[in-house]
Amino acid sequence: MSTIRAVCPHCLTPVDLEPAHILLLPRTVVASLGTYMFYCRGCEHVVSKSASQTESAVLEAAGVAAEPVAPSAGPTSKPVTDHRPFTPDDLIDFHQILTSDHWFSRLTCG
């Protein structure tokens, strides 16, 4: 498996990442650059950086899966009203997910 090294712009620490720990959002018709994101364990920041078409291709070749970008909702879309309210139990469940070692993949892969 490939290891990808990135530098956190907040703490300037090199971070070794597995492809599953990087979220890649490809460029869209509107934006000429894509975006990739990762979590820095050193300073606990979520880092978001621009990615050129070449950088995106290199990340994909290393095994990073590009997330599909949903089309933006226009003014004619209906508001979502069929969700239940967020409860304290939901907050506890979310906290337990974040304390696990595989929290990122659990939140991004369903």
Protein backbone atom coordinates (compact mmCIF):
# COMPACT_ATOMS: atom_id res chain seq x y z
CA MET A 1 0.00 0.00 0.00
CA SER A 2 1.24 3.48 -0.83
CA THR A 3 2.14 5.96 1.86
CA ILE A 4 1.57 9.58 0.94
CA ARG A 5 3.52 12.29 2.72
CA ALA A 6 1.94 15.71 3.12
CA VAL A 7 2.99 18.71 5.18
CA CYS A 8 0.47 20.32 7.51
CA PRO A 9 0.38 24.07 6.86
CA HIS A 10 -0.70 24.73 10.48
CA CYS A 11 2.14 23.01 12.37
CA LEU A 12 4.54 22.33 9.45
CA THR A 13 4.76 18.67 10.46
CA PRO A 14 5.19 16.02 7.77
CA VAL A 15 2.25 13.61 7.94
CA ASP A 16 2.40 10.08 6.49
CA LEU A 17 -1.04 9.08 5.23
CA GLU A 18 -2.63 5.99 3.79
CA PRO A 19 -4.82 6.58 0.72
CA ALA A 20 -7.94 5.84 2.82
CA HIS A 21 -7.09 8.80 5.09
CA ILE A 22 -7.31 11.35 2.26
CA LEU A 23 -10.54 12.80 0.93
CA LEU A 24 -10.21 13.90 -2.71
CA LEU A 25 -12.86 16.11 -4.26
CA PRO A 26 -12.25 16.41 -7.99
CA ARG A 27 -12.43 19.67 -9.87
CA THR A 28 -15.80 20.76 -11.18
CA VAL A 29 -16.90 22.74 -14.20
CA VAL A 30 -16.93 25.89 -12.05
CA ALA A 31 -13.68 25.29 -10.15
CA SER A 32 -10.51 24.60 -12.11
CA LEU A 33 -8.81 23.02 -9.08
CA GLY A 34 -9.80 20.00 -7.04
CA THR A 35 -9.39 19.74 -3.30
CA TYR A 36 -7.90 17.15 -1.01
CA MET A 37 -8.31 16.96 2.73
CA PHE A 38 -6.62 15.08 5.56
CA TYR A 39 -6.43 15.10 9.33
CA CYS A 40 -3.15 16.15 10.96
CA ARG A 41 -2.54 14.06 14.08
CA GLY A 42 0.14 16.51 15.20
CA CYS A 43 -2.00 19.61 15.65
CA GLU A 44 -5.45 17.99 15.24
CA HIS A 45 -6.49 20.21 12.32
CA VAL A 46 -8.38 19.10 9.25
CA VAL A 47 -6.26 20.35 6.36
CA SER A 48 -7.81 21.36 3.04
CA LYS A 49 -5.53 22.01 0.08
CA SER A 50 -6.07 22.76 -3.60
CA ALA A 51 -5.09 20.06 -6.07
CA SER A 52 -4.28 20.65 -9.72
CA GLN A 53 -5.39 18.12 -12.29
CA THR A 54 -1.89 16.56 -12.17
CA GLU A 55 -1.87 16.39 -8.35
CA SER A 56 -5.33 14.81 -8.38
CA ALA A 57 -4.15 12.22 -10.92
CA VAL A 58 -1.10 11.38 -8.77
CA LEU A 59 -3.29 10.96 -5.68
CA GLU A 60 -5.69 8.70 -7.59
CA ALA A 61 -2.76 6.66 -8.95
CA ALA A 62 -1.56 6.20 -5.35
CA GLY A 63 -4.95 4.74 -4.42
CA VAL A 64 -6.90 7.76 -3.17
CA ALA A 65 -10.52 7.41 -4.24
CA ALA A 66 -12.06 10.56 -5.69
CA GLU A 67 -15.40 11.33 -4.11
CA PRO A 68 -18.17 12.21 -6.54
CA VAL A 69 -19.27 15.81 -6.36
CA ALA A 70 -23.02 16.27 -6.29
CA PRO A 71 -24.40 19.04 -8.48
CA SER A 72 -25.18 22.16 -6.53
CA ALA A 73 -28.74 22.57 -5.46
CA GLY A 74 -30.50 25.34 -7.28
CA PRO A 75 -33.10 27.68 -5.86
CA THR A 76 -35.88 25.35 -7.02
CA SER A 77 -34.84 22.45 -4.77
CA LYS A 78 -37.14 21.53 -1.93
CA PRO A 79 -35.83 21.69 1.64
CA VAL A 80 -35.28 18.36 3.32
CA THR A 81 -37.88 17.96 6.03
CA ASP A 82 -38.01 14.20 6.60
CA HIS A 83 -35.07 13.99 9.05
CA ARG A 84 -35.53 13.49 12.75
CA PRO A 85 -34.02 16.02 15.17
CA PHE A 86 -30.43 15.55 16.39
CA THR A 87 -30.56 14.13 19.94
CA PRO A 88 -28.05 13.81 22.81
CA ASP A 89 -27.82 10.08 21.97
CA ASP A 90 -26.74 11.01 18.45
CA LEU A 91 -24.01 13.22 19.92
CA ILE A 92 -22.77 10.36 22.11
CA ASP A 93 -22.73 8.00 19.11
CA PHE A 94 -20.80 10.59 17.08
CA HIS A 95 -18.29 11.02 19.91
CA GLN A 96 -17.72 7.25 20.06
CA ILE A 97 -17.10 7.15 16.29
CA LEU A 98 -14.51 9.94 16.58
CA THR A 99 -12.62 8.11 19.34
CA SER A 100 -12.18 4.99 17.19
CA ASP A 101 -9.07 4.42 15.07
CA HIS A 102 -11.06 4.25 11.83
CA TRP A 103 -13.35 7.26 12.34
CA PHE A 104 -12.55 8.87 8.99
CA SER A 105 -13.47 5.83 6.91
CA ARG A 106 -16.62 5.26 8.98
CA LEU A 107 -17.81 8.80 8.31
CA THR A 108 -16.90 8.90 4.62
CA CYS A 109 -17.83 5.36 3.55
CA GLY A 110 -21.13 5.00 5.29
